[in-house]
Amino acid sequence: MLDTLGTALSEASGFTVEFEQRRTYEEVTGLLLQGAVDAAWLCGFPFLQHQDAFSLLAVPVWHGQPLYQSYLIVGASDTATTLDDLKGAAHAFSDPDSNSGYLMTVTDLVRAGETPTDFFSRSIFTYGHRNVVRAVAAGLVRSGSVDGYVWEVLATEEPDLTRRTKVIAKSEWVGFPPFCARKERMSEPRIRAFQKALLTLVEQRTGKQALDLLQLDGMALGEPDLYAGIAARMRELEALR
């Protein structure tokens, strides 16, 4: 998927686009803050954490909207139907800087007067949404917090995996993980060319192939207000601290 996307962006921008992958959002965010990369595909949570330093380049459009949800999943045969039913069980989060894989569930607990430490018997970070699904499917944990877009893509690409899980709760719709760059670099020709390449992917043959592989409709310009729901939950988490 990323190879095709890189080819499409290289063709459209006029320069070679290479992807640097890291294990955690903290590492990816650090690369962008340090100027080690020109842009990054982040989550809305780290974008807002560094909104003074980052600007939006483009936001993926999925099922006609630049939005997605967090899913709470359990094993396929589990009897749980709500988060409350999972008290005392083991839970998998994706990343401490993930909106869908951490923030949503934690703030749901905060609203109920709970904390992850007190509510779950133990919690782990898998550092990957697919890894959350795998942990739940294998019975390593009872439940997990996962990116709804990723779960839906896996449901078509790896149905044998997702059918061993089920979704018992979905969050409100919030801004899809965006592509970002440093604010002071937004006027640079290289960054502007990359942004244009993102926004016109759907118009290119290779770009359309990349979007199809990613199961996305295209890319759109985004405004920070798109992430207001995530920002509100961040304030709730901060109040807890």
Protein backbone atom coordinates (compact mmCIF):
# COMPACT_ATOMS: atom_id res chain seq x y z
CA MET A 1 0.00 0.00 0.00
CA LEU A 2 2.64 2.53 1.07
CA ASP A 3 4.87 1.66 -1.89
CA THR A 4 2.06 2.52 -4.29
CA LEU A 5 1.23 5.68 -2.36
CA GLY A 6 4.89 6.72 -2.42
CA THR A 7 5.07 6.17 -6.16
CA ALA A 8 1.91 8.21 -6.73
CA LEU A 9 3.12 11.09 -4.57
CA SER A 10 6.53 11.06 -6.26
CA GLU A 11 4.96 11.21 -9.71
CA ALA A 12 2.65 14.06 -8.74
CA SER A 13 5.11 16.15 -6.71
CA GLY A 14 8.12 15.85 -9.01
CA PHE A 15 10.48 14.60 -6.31
CA THR A 16 11.07 11.22 -4.67
CA VAL A 17 8.81 10.57 -1.70
CA GLU A 18 10.10 8.01 0.78
CA PHE A 19 8.31 6.83 3.92
CA GLU A 20 10.01 6.57 7.30
CA GLN A 21 8.08 4.21 9.58
CA ARG A 22 8.46 4.16 13.34
CA ARG A 23 6.94 2.09 16.14
CA THR A 24 5.24 4.86 18.11
CA TYR A 25 3.46 8.15 17.46
CA GLU A 26 5.95 9.79 19.81
CA GLU A 27 8.80 8.78 17.52
CA VAL A 28 7.00 9.95 14.37
CA THR A 29 6.05 13.24 16.00
CA GLY A 30 9.64 13.70 17.13
CA LEU A 31 10.92 13.28 13.56
CA LEU A 32 8.60 16.02 12.36
CA LEU A 33 9.43 18.35 15.24
CA GLN A 34 13.16 17.88 14.63
CA GLY A 35 12.85 18.49 10.90
CA ALA A 36 14.08 14.97 10.11
CA VAL A 37 11.05 14.48 7.82
CA ASP A 38 9.14 16.97 5.67
CA ALA A 39 5.67 15.74 6.62
CA ALA A 40 3.98 13.04 8.65
CA TRP A 41 0.74 11.07 8.68
CA LEU A 42 -0.27 11.57 12.30
CA CYS A 43 -3.25 10.97 14.54
CA GLY A 44 -5.47 13.86 15.56
CA PHE A 45 -4.25 13.50 19.16
CA PRO A 46 -0.54 14.29 18.50
CA PHE A 47 -1.54 16.92 15.94
CA LEU A 48 -3.45 18.77 18.65
CA GLN A 49 -0.68 18.21 21.20
CA HIS A 50 1.60 20.19 18.88
CA GLN A 51 -0.89 22.44 17.14
CA ASP A 52 1.36 25.43 17.78
CA ALA A 53 4.03 23.80 15.61
CA PHE A 54 2.03 21.80 13.03
CA SER A 55 -0.33 22.68 10.17
CA LEU A 56 -2.69 20.40 8.28
CA LEU A 57 -1.68 19.41 4.75
CA ALA A 58 -4.58 17.09 3.95
CA VAL A 59 -7.13 14.83 5.62
CA PRO A 60 -8.11 11.46 4.12
CA VAL A 61 -11.74 11.04 3.10
CA TRP A 62 -13.34 7.71 4.03
CA HIS A 63 -16.89 6.79 2.98
CA GLY A 64 -17.41 10.36 1.84
CA GLN A 65 -16.27 12.06 5.05
CA PRO A 66 -12.95 13.15 6.58
CA LEU A 67 -14.04 11.33 9.73
CA TYR A 68 -13.61 8.03 11.55
CA GLN A 69 -14.50 6.35 14.86
CA SER A 70 -12.87 4.43 17.66
CA TYR A 71 -14.12 0.87 18.12
CA LEU A 72 -14.24 -1.09 21.37
CA ILE A 73 -13.79 -4.76 20.49
CA VAL A 74 -13.97 -8.08 22.31
CA GLY A 75 -13.67 -11.71 21.29
CA ALA A 76 -16.38 -13.00 18.96
CA SER A 77 -17.98 -15.22 21.62
CA ASP A 78 -17.67 -12.71 24.48
CA THR A 79 -20.90 -11.81 26.28
CA ALA A 80 -19.90 -8.19 26.97
CA THR A 81 -22.08 -5.55 25.33
CA THR A 82 -20.75 -2.33 26.92
CA LEU A 83 -17.55 -0.95 28.40
CA ASP A 84 -19.01 -1.45 31.88
CA ASP A 85 -19.05 -5.20 31.31
CA LEU A 86 -15.25 -5.22 30.96
CA LYS A 87 -14.41 -4.13 34.49
CA GLY A 88 -11.68 -6.30 35.97
CA ALA A 89 -10.57 -7.66 32.60
CA ALA A 90 -7.37 -7.18 30.59
CA HIS A 91 -7.42 -4.56 27.82
CA ALA A 92 -5.22 -3.65 24.85
CA PHE A 93 -4.56 -0.06 23.83
CA SER A 94 -2.73 0.83 20.63
CA ASP A 95 -0.53 3.80 21.59
CA PRO A 96 -0.64 6.37 24.43
CA ASP A 97 -0.77 9.14 21.78
CA SER A 98 -3.55 7.50 19.78
CA ASN A 99 -7.01 9.01 19.77
CA SER A 100 -8.95 5.90 18.74
CA GLY A 101 -6.56 3.47 20.38
CA TYR A 102 -6.36 5.18 23.77
CA LEU A 103 -7.92 8.62 24.33
CA MET A 104 -11.50 7.67 23.51
CA THR A 105 -11.70 4.72 25.89
CA VAL A 106 -9.83 6.47 28.68
CA THR A 107 -12.09 9.51 28.59
CA ASP A 108 -15.15 7.24 28.52
CA LEU A 109 -13.80 5.79 31.76
CA VAL A 110 -13.13 9.27 33.15
CA ARG A 111 -16.74 10.21 32.49
CA ALA A 112 -17.79 7.18 34.52
CA GLY A 113 -15.48 8.15 37.40
CA GLU A 114 -12.93 5.45 36.57
CA THR A 115 -9.30 5.23 35.50
CA PRO A 116 -7.72 2.51 33.35
CA THR A 117 -5.53 1.39 36.26
CA ASP A 118 -8.51 0.89 38.58
CA PHE A 119 -10.96 -0.37 35.96
CA PHE A 120 -8.93 -2.96 34.09
CA SER A 121 -7.02 -5.79 35.75
CA ARG A 122 -4.16 -4.83 33.44
CA SER A 123 -3.70 -2.92 30.22
CA ILE A 124 -1.05 -3.18 27.52
CA PHE A 125 0.09 -1.09 24.57
CA THR A 126 0.49 -3.06 21.34
CA TYR A 127 1.82 -0.14 19.24
CA GLY A 128 -0.33 -0.97 16.26
CA HIS A 129 -4.08 -1.21 15.69
CA ARG A 130 -3.72 -4.54 13.90
CA ASN A 131 -1.83 -5.78 16.94
CA VAL A 132 -4.79 -4.79 19.14
CA VAL A 133 -7.09 -6.90 16.97
CA ARG A 134 -4.63 -9.79 17.05
CA ALA A 135 -4.35 -9.62 20.85
CA VAL A 136 -8.12 -9.74 21.29
CA ALA A 137 -8.59 -12.43 18.63
CA ALA A 138 -5.95 -14.62 20.30
CA GLY A 139 -7.48 -14.17 23.76
CA LEU A 140 -4.38 -12.46 25.14
CA VAL A 141 -6.71 -9.73 26.43
CA ARG A 142 -10.47 -9.58 26.72
CA SER A 143 -10.94 -6.26 24.96
CA GLY A 144 -9.22 -3.60 22.91
CA SER A 145 -9.45 -0.02 21.66
CA VAL A 146 -8.91 0.21 17.92
CA ASP A 147 -9.15 2.57 14.95
CA GLY A 148 -12.49 1.84 13.28
CA TYR A 149 -11.08 2.49 9.82
CA VAL A 150 -8.29 -0.03 10.41
CA TRP A 151 -10.72 -2.64 11.74
CA GLU A 152 -12.98 -2.19 8.71
CA VAL A 153 -10.04 -2.48 6.30
CA LEU A 154 -8.86 -5.60 8.09
CA ALA A 155 -12.39 -7.00 7.83
CA THR A 156 -11.97 -7.03 4.04
CA GLU A 157 -8.24 -7.84 3.89
CA GLU A 158 -7.97 -10.31 6.78
CA PRO A 159 -11.52 -11.50 7.54
CA ASP A 160 -10.25 -14.60 9.35
CA LEU A 161 -8.70 -12.25 11.90
CA THR A 162 -11.53 -9.80 12.48
CA ARG A 163 -14.25 -12.47 12.58
CA ARG A 164 -12.64 -13.67 15.80
CA THR A 165 -13.56 -10.29 17.28
CA LYS A 166 -16.68 -8.15 17.42
CA VAL A 167 -17.41 -4.48 17.93
CA ILE A 168 -19.47 -3.66 21.01
CA ALA A 169 -19.19 0.14 21.00
CA LYS A 170 -18.30 2.93 18.62
CA SER A 171 -17.29 6.50 19.46
CA GLU A 172 -18.66 9.65 17.92
CA TRP A 173 -17.27 10.61 14.51
CA VAL A 174 -14.09 12.70 14.74
CA GLY A 175 -11.43 14.04 12.38
CA PHE A 176 -9.53 11.39 10.43
CA PRO A 177 -5.76 11.09 11.11
CA PRO A 178 -4.21 13.94 9.08
CA PHE A 179 -1.08 14.62 7.07
CA CYS A 180 0.87 17.43 8.75
CA ALA A 181 3.93 19.63 8.23
CA ARG A 182 5.74 22.23 10.29
CA LYS A 183 3.92 25.58 10.20
CA GLU A 184 6.99 27.59 9.23
CA ARG A 185 7.55 25.35 6.20
CA MET A 186 4.07 25.53 4.71
CA SER A 187 5.08 28.15 2.13
CA GLU A 188 8.09 26.17 0.87
CA PRO A 189 7.72 24.94 -2.75
CA ARG A 190 8.56 21.38 -1.70
CA ILE A 191 5.82 21.28 0.94
CA ARG A 192 3.27 22.96 -1.32
CA ALA A 193 4.04 20.45 -4.08
CA PHE A 194 3.59 17.57 -1.64
CA GLN A 195 0.27 18.99 -0.42
CA LYS A 196 -0.97 19.39 -3.98
CA ALA A 197 0.07 15.81 -4.72
CA LEU A 198 -1.98 14.58 -1.76
CA LEU A 199 -5.04 16.58 -2.73
CA THR A 200 -4.95 15.42 -6.37
CA LEU A 201 -4.28 11.72 -5.79
CA VAL A 202 -7.77 10.83 -6.95
CA GLU A 203 -7.05 12.46 -10.32
CA GLN A 204 -4.01 10.27 -11.07
CA ARG A 205 -3.97 6.66 -12.20
CA THR A 206 -1.36 5.55 -9.66
CA GLY A 207 -2.91 7.81 -7.05
CA LYS A 208 -6.31 6.20 -7.57
CA GLN A 209 -4.70 2.78 -7.23
CA ALA A 210 -3.11 3.83 -3.94
CA LEU A 211 -6.40 5.18 -2.62
CA ASP A 212 -8.20 1.99 -3.63
CA LEU A 213 -5.61 -0.10 -1.77
CA LEU A 214 -6.07 2.12 1.28
CA GLN A 215 -9.87 1.99 0.83
CA LEU A 216 -10.01 5.78 0.86
CA ASP A 217 -12.04 8.11 -1.38
CA GLY A 218 -9.39 10.81 -1.60
CA MET A 219 -7.86 13.68 0.36
CA ALA A 220 -9.35 17.01 1.40
CA LEU A 221 -8.20 20.23 2.98
CA GLY A 222 -8.89 20.17 6.69
CA GLU A 223 -9.42 22.79 9.35
CA PRO A 224 -8.42 22.41 13.03
CA ASP A 225 -12.13 22.60 13.97
CA LEU A 226 -12.44 19.12 12.48
CA TYR A 227 -10.65 17.90 15.60
CA ALA A 228 -12.80 19.76 18.14
CA GLY A 229 -14.21 16.50 19.53
CA ILE A 230 -10.74 15.12 20.15
CA ALA A 231 -9.67 18.43 21.72
CA ALA A 232 -12.61 18.26 24.12
CA ARG A 233 -11.61 14.77 25.23
CA MET A 234 -8.02 15.88 25.66
CA ARG A 235 -9.20 18.57 28.07
CA GLU A 236 -11.11 15.95 30.05
CA LEU A 237 -8.00 13.80 30.31
CA GLU A 238 -5.89 16.79 31.31
CA ALA A 239 -8.37 17.66 34.07
CA LEU A 240 -7.88 14.19 35.49
CA ARG A 241 -4.17 14.79 35.77
